[in-house]
C-alpha atoms as a PDB file:
ATOM      1  CA  MET A   1      83.848 153.071 147.514  1.00  0.00           C
ATOM      2  CA  THR A   2      86.842 155.396 147.633  1.00  0.00           C
ATOM      3  CA  PRO A   3      89.832 154.998 145.285  1.00  0.00           C
ATOM      4  CA  THR A   4      91.963 153.809 148.234  1.00  0.00           C
ATOM      5  CA  GLU A   5      89.415 151.177 149.227  1.00  0.00           C
ATOM      6  CA  ALA A   6      89.233 150.021 145.598  1.00  0.00           C
ATOM      7  CA  LEU A   7      93.054 149.820 145.447  1.00  0.00           C
ATOM      8  CA  ILE A   8      93.219 147.600 148.534  1.00  0.00           C
ATOM      9  CA  ARG A   9      90.378 145.402 147.255  1.00  0.00           C
ATOM     10  CA  ASP A  10      92.167 145.088 143.897  1.00  0.00           C
ATOM     11  CA  TYR A  11      95.345 144.038 145.747  1.00  0.00           C
ATOM     12  CA  TYR A  12      93.543 141.231 147.557  1.00  0.00           C
ATOM     13  CA  ALA A  13      91.577 140.199 144.461  1.00  0.00           C
ATOM     14  CA  ALA A  14      94.882 139.790 142.606  1.00  0.00           C
ATOM     15  CA  PHE A  15      96.219 137.807 145.572  1.00  0.00           C
ATOM     16  CA  ASP A  16      93.255 135.438 145.429  1.00  0.00           C
ATOM     17  CA  ARG A  17      93.662 134.985 141.657  1.00  0.00           C
ATOM     18  CA  GLY A  18      97.343 134.171 142.150  1.00  0.00           C
ATOM     19  CA  ASP A  19      98.193 137.100 139.878  1.00  0.00           C
ATOM     20  CA  ARG A  20     101.419 138.265 141.459  1.00  0.00           C
ATOM     21  CA  GLU A  21     102.254 140.654 138.616  1.00  0.00           C
ATOM     22  CA  ALA A  22      98.935 142.455 139.130  1.00  0.00           C
ATOM     23  CA  MET A  23      99.689 142.714 142.849  1.00  0.00           C
ATOM     24  CA  LEU A  24     103.151 144.103 142.183  1.00  0.00           C
ATOM     25  CA  ALA A  25     101.759 146.646 139.711  1.00  0.00           C
ATOM     26  CA  LEU A  26      99.702 148.144 142.557  1.00  0.00           C
ATOM     27  CA  LEU A  27     102.815 148.797 144.648  1.00  0.00           C
ATOM     28  CA  ALA A  28     105.089 151.824 144.637  1.00  0.00           C
ATOM     29  CA  GLU A  29     108.584 150.984 143.367  1.00  0.00           C
ATOM     30  CA  ASP A  30     109.962 151.756 146.860  1.00  0.00           C
ATOM     31  CA  VAL A  31     107.191 149.959 148.774  1.00  0.00           C
ATOM     32  CA  VAL A  32     107.953 149.220 152.416  1.00  0.00           C
ATOM     33  CA  HIS A  33     106.857 145.771 153.579  1.00  0.00           C
ATOM     34  CA  ASP A  34     106.703 144.950 157.286  1.00  0.00           C
ATOM     35  CA  VAL A  35     106.656 141.160 157.352  1.00  0.00           C
ATOM     36  CA  ASN A  36     104.736 139.634 160.268  1.00  0.00           C
ATOM     37  CA  GLN A  37     107.290 138.483 162.885  1.00  0.00           C
ATOM     38  CA  GLY A  38     110.034 139.419 160.428  1.00  0.00           C
ATOM     39  CA  PRO A  39     112.136 142.195 158.982  1.00  0.00           C
ATOM     40  CA  ARG A  40     111.177 145.362 157.165  1.00  0.00           C
ATOM     41  CA  GLU A  41     111.886 145.006 153.462  1.00  0.00           C
ATOM     42  CA  THR A  42     111.967 147.782 150.888  1.00  0.00           C
ATOM     43  CA  GLY A  43     111.292 147.718 147.177  1.00  0.00           C
ATOM     44  CA  ARG A  44     109.060 145.975 144.686  1.00  0.00           C
ATOM     45  CA  GLU A  45     111.745 143.363 143.902  1.00  0.00           C
ATOM     46  CA  ALA A  46     112.036 142.418 147.594  1.00  0.00           C
ATOM     47  CA  PHE A  47     108.251 142.050 147.650  1.00  0.00           C
ATOM     48  CA  ARG A  48     108.430 139.849 144.540  1.00  0.00           C
ATOM     49  CA  ARG A  49     110.924 137.558 146.319  1.00  0.00           C
ATOM     50  CA  PHE A  50     108.683 137.447 149.395  1.00  0.00           C
ATOM     51  CA  LEU A  51     105.685 136.418 147.272  1.00  0.00           C
ATOM     52  CA  ALA A  52     107.713 133.673 145.551  1.00  0.00           C
ATOM     53  CA  HIS A  53     108.791 132.326 148.930  1.00  0.00           C
ATOM     54  CA  MET A  54     105.226 132.370 150.218  1.00  0.00           C
ATOM     55  CA  ASP A  55     103.876 130.694 147.077  1.00  0.00           C
ATOM     56  CA  TYR A  56     106.415 127.895 147.495  1.00  0.00           C
ATOM     57  CA  SER A  57     105.376 127.110 151.084  1.00  0.00           C
ATOM     58  CA  TYR A  58     101.700 128.139 151.219  1.00  0.00           C
ATOM     59  CA  ARG A  59      98.506 128.225 149.196  1.00  0.00           C
ATOM     60  CA  GLU A  60      96.216 130.910 150.633  1.00  0.00           C
ATOM     61  CA  ARG A  61      92.955 132.703 149.925  1.00  0.00           C
ATOM     62  CA  ILE A  62      91.414 135.738 151.627  1.00  0.00           C
ATOM     63  CA  ARG A  63      87.897 135.541 153.054  1.00  0.00           C
ATOM     64  CA  ASP A  64      85.612 138.024 154.833  1.00  0.00           C
ATOM     65  CA  LEU A  65      87.609 141.051 153.657  1.00  0.00           C
ATOM     66  CA  VAL A  66      86.751 144.388 155.260  1.00  0.00           C
ATOM     67  CA  VAL A  67      88.616 147.494 154.044  1.00  0.00           C
ATOM     68  CA  MET A  68      88.679 150.860 155.803  1.00  0.00           C
ATOM     69  CA  ALA A  69      90.358 154.076 154.644  1.00  0.00           C
ATOM     70  CA  ASP A  70      90.905 157.423 156.302  1.00  0.00           C
ATOM     71  CA  ALA A  71      89.385 160.588 154.868  1.00  0.00           C
ATOM     72  CA  THR A  72      92.634 161.579 153.107  1.00  0.00           C
ATOM     73  CA  GLY A  73      92.970 158.268 151.276  1.00  0.00           C
ATOM     74  CA  ARG A  74      96.584 157.990 152.435  1.00  0.00           C
ATOM     75  CA  ARG A  75      95.999 155.325 155.060  1.00  0.00           C
ATOM     76  CA  ALA A  76      93.948 152.144 154.985  1.00  0.00           C
ATOM     77  CA  ALA A  77      93.429 148.980 156.946  1.00  0.00           C
ATOM     78  CA  ALA A  78      92.053 145.585 156.067  1.00  0.00           C
ATOM     79  CA  GLU A  79      90.731 142.802 158.258  1.00  0.00           C
ATOM     80  CA  PHE A  80      90.231 139.322 156.865  1.00  0.00           C
ATOM     81  CA  THR A  81      90.522 135.584 157.371  1.00  0.00           C
ATOM     82  CA  VAL A  82      93.327 133.676 155.699  1.00  0.00           C
ATOM     83  CA  GLU A  83      92.318 130.190 154.580  1.00  0.00           C
ATOM     84  CA  GLY A  84      95.413 128.231 153.706  1.00  0.00           C
ATOM     85  CA  GLU A  85      97.314 125.047 153.128  1.00  0.00           C
ATOM     86  CA  TYR A  86     100.905 124.540 154.299  1.00  0.00           C
ATOM     87  CA  LEU A  87     102.720 123.024 151.301  1.00  0.00           C
ATOM     88  CA  ALA A  88     106.459 123.022 152.058  1.00  0.00           C
ATOM     89  CA  THR A  89     108.316 123.453 155.343  1.00  0.00           C
ATOM     90  CA  ASP A  90     109.250 127.091 155.926  1.00  0.00           C
ATOM     91  CA  ALA A  91     112.542 127.703 157.779  1.00  0.00           C
ATOM     92  CA  ALA A  92     112.310 126.874 161.507  1.00  0.00           C
ATOM     93  CA  LEU A  93     108.538 126.371 161.445  1.00  0.00           C
ATOM     94  CA  PRO A  94     106.840 122.995 161.950  1.00  0.00           C
ATOM     95  CA  PRO A  95     107.114 120.439 159.125  1.00  0.00           C
ATOM     96  CA  ALA A  96     104.625 120.867 156.291  1.00  0.00           C
ATOM     97  CA  ARG A  97     102.307 117.983 155.484  1.00  0.00           C
ATOM     98  CA  GLY A  98      99.538 119.770 153.612  1.00  0.00           C
ATOM     99  CA  GLN A  99      97.916 121.023 156.824  1.00  0.00           C
ATOM    100  CA  ARG A 100      95.002 123.422 156.436  1.00  0.00           C
ATOM    101  CA  TYR A 101      94.555 126.499 158.578  1.00  0.00           C
ATOM    102  CA  SER A 102      92.165 129.401 159.065  1.00  0.00           C
ATOM    103  CA  LEU A 103      93.520 132.505 160.702  1.00  0.00           C
ATOM    104  CA  PRO A 104      92.237 136.027 161.352  1.00  0.00           C
ATOM    105  CA  ALA A 105      94.654 138.680 160.119  1.00  0.00           C
ATOM    106  CA  GLY A 106      94.951 142.381 159.478  1.00  0.00           C
ATOM    107  CA  ALA A 107      97.039 144.734 157.408  1.00  0.00           C
ATOM    108  CA  PHE A 108      97.801 148.421 157.391  1.00  0.00           C
ATOM    109  CA  PHE A 109      98.613 150.383 154.268  1.00  0.00           C
ATOM    110  CA  GLU A 110     100.028 153.725 153.244  1.00  0.00           C
ATOM    111  CA  VAL A 111      99.012 154.959 149.803  1.00  0.00           C
ATOM    112  CA  ARG A 112     100.949 157.453 147.700  1.00  0.00           C
ATOM    113  CA  GLN A 113      99.962 158.647 144.223  1.00  0.00           C
ATOM    114  CA  GLY A 114      97.491 155.815 143.749  1.00  0.00           C
ATOM    115  CA  ARG A 115      99.922 153.042 144.692  1.00  0.00           C
ATOM    116  CA  ILE A 116     100.522 151.091 147.887  1.00  0.00           C
ATOM    117  CA  ALA A 117     103.627 152.529 149.533  1.00  0.00           C
ATOM    118  CA  ARG A 118     103.587 150.403 152.719  1.00  0.00           C
ATOM    119  CA  VAL A 119     102.106 147.045 153.704  1.00  0.00           C
ATOM    120  CA  THR A 120     102.233 145.936 157.337  1.00  0.00           C
ATOM    121  CA  THR A 121     100.611 142.572 158.019  1.00  0.00           C
ATOM    122  CA  TYR A 122      99.717 141.040 161.380  1.00  0.00           C
ATOM    123  CA  TYR A 123      98.456 137.631 162.402  1.00  0.00           C
ATOM    124  CA  ASN A 124      98.898 135.381 165.430  1.00  0.00           C
ATOM    125  CA  LEU A 125     101.870 133.183 164.558  1.00  0.00           C
ATOM    126  CA  GLN A 126     101.423 131.050 167.687  1.00  0.00           C
ATOM    127  CA  GLU A 127      97.841 130.246 166.634  1.00  0.00           C
ATOM    128  CA  TRP A 128      99.049 129.296 163.159  1.00  0.00           C
ATOM    129  CA  ILE A 129     101.688 127.009 164.707  1.00  0.00           C
ATOM    130  CA  ARG A 130      99.040 125.425 166.933  1.00  0.00           C
ATOM    131  CA  GLN A 131      96.816 124.734 163.942  1.00  0.00           C
ATOM    132  CA  VAL A 132      99.500 123.216 161.710  1.00  0.00           C
ATOM    133  CA  SER A 133     100.934 121.209 164.623  1.00  0.00           C
ATOM    134  CA  GLY A 134      97.571 119.567 165.253  1.00  0.00           C
ATOM    135  CA  GLY A 135      97.053 121.269 168.608  1.00  0.00           C
END
């Protein structure tokens, strides 16, 4: 396993443990975060706020993680399944009632000096809405 692959696996292992400080420690101070269906945010503190928001509304675990890295170690991708529970209504999304969901997702990463400098996550929001709406 390359150092970049290990970094990405460590990121998701910390996610699954609920160890947000360990996740944040793996990020560059000026990390760029492309939120699925949302804005681009910059900085570790913005990422911290994002994680707090997500933890309030969702409980999630990563399954079937596959990590790929380019030969330079500067770019990586991950494919996985998100297993989750919708805990509290999030903005204009359907009402939360503890619904469970399972959703394929992917993420792209840039790595700089051993830290994650960009995270771009993608999943099918319409499929998530269908699942939590009972469709």
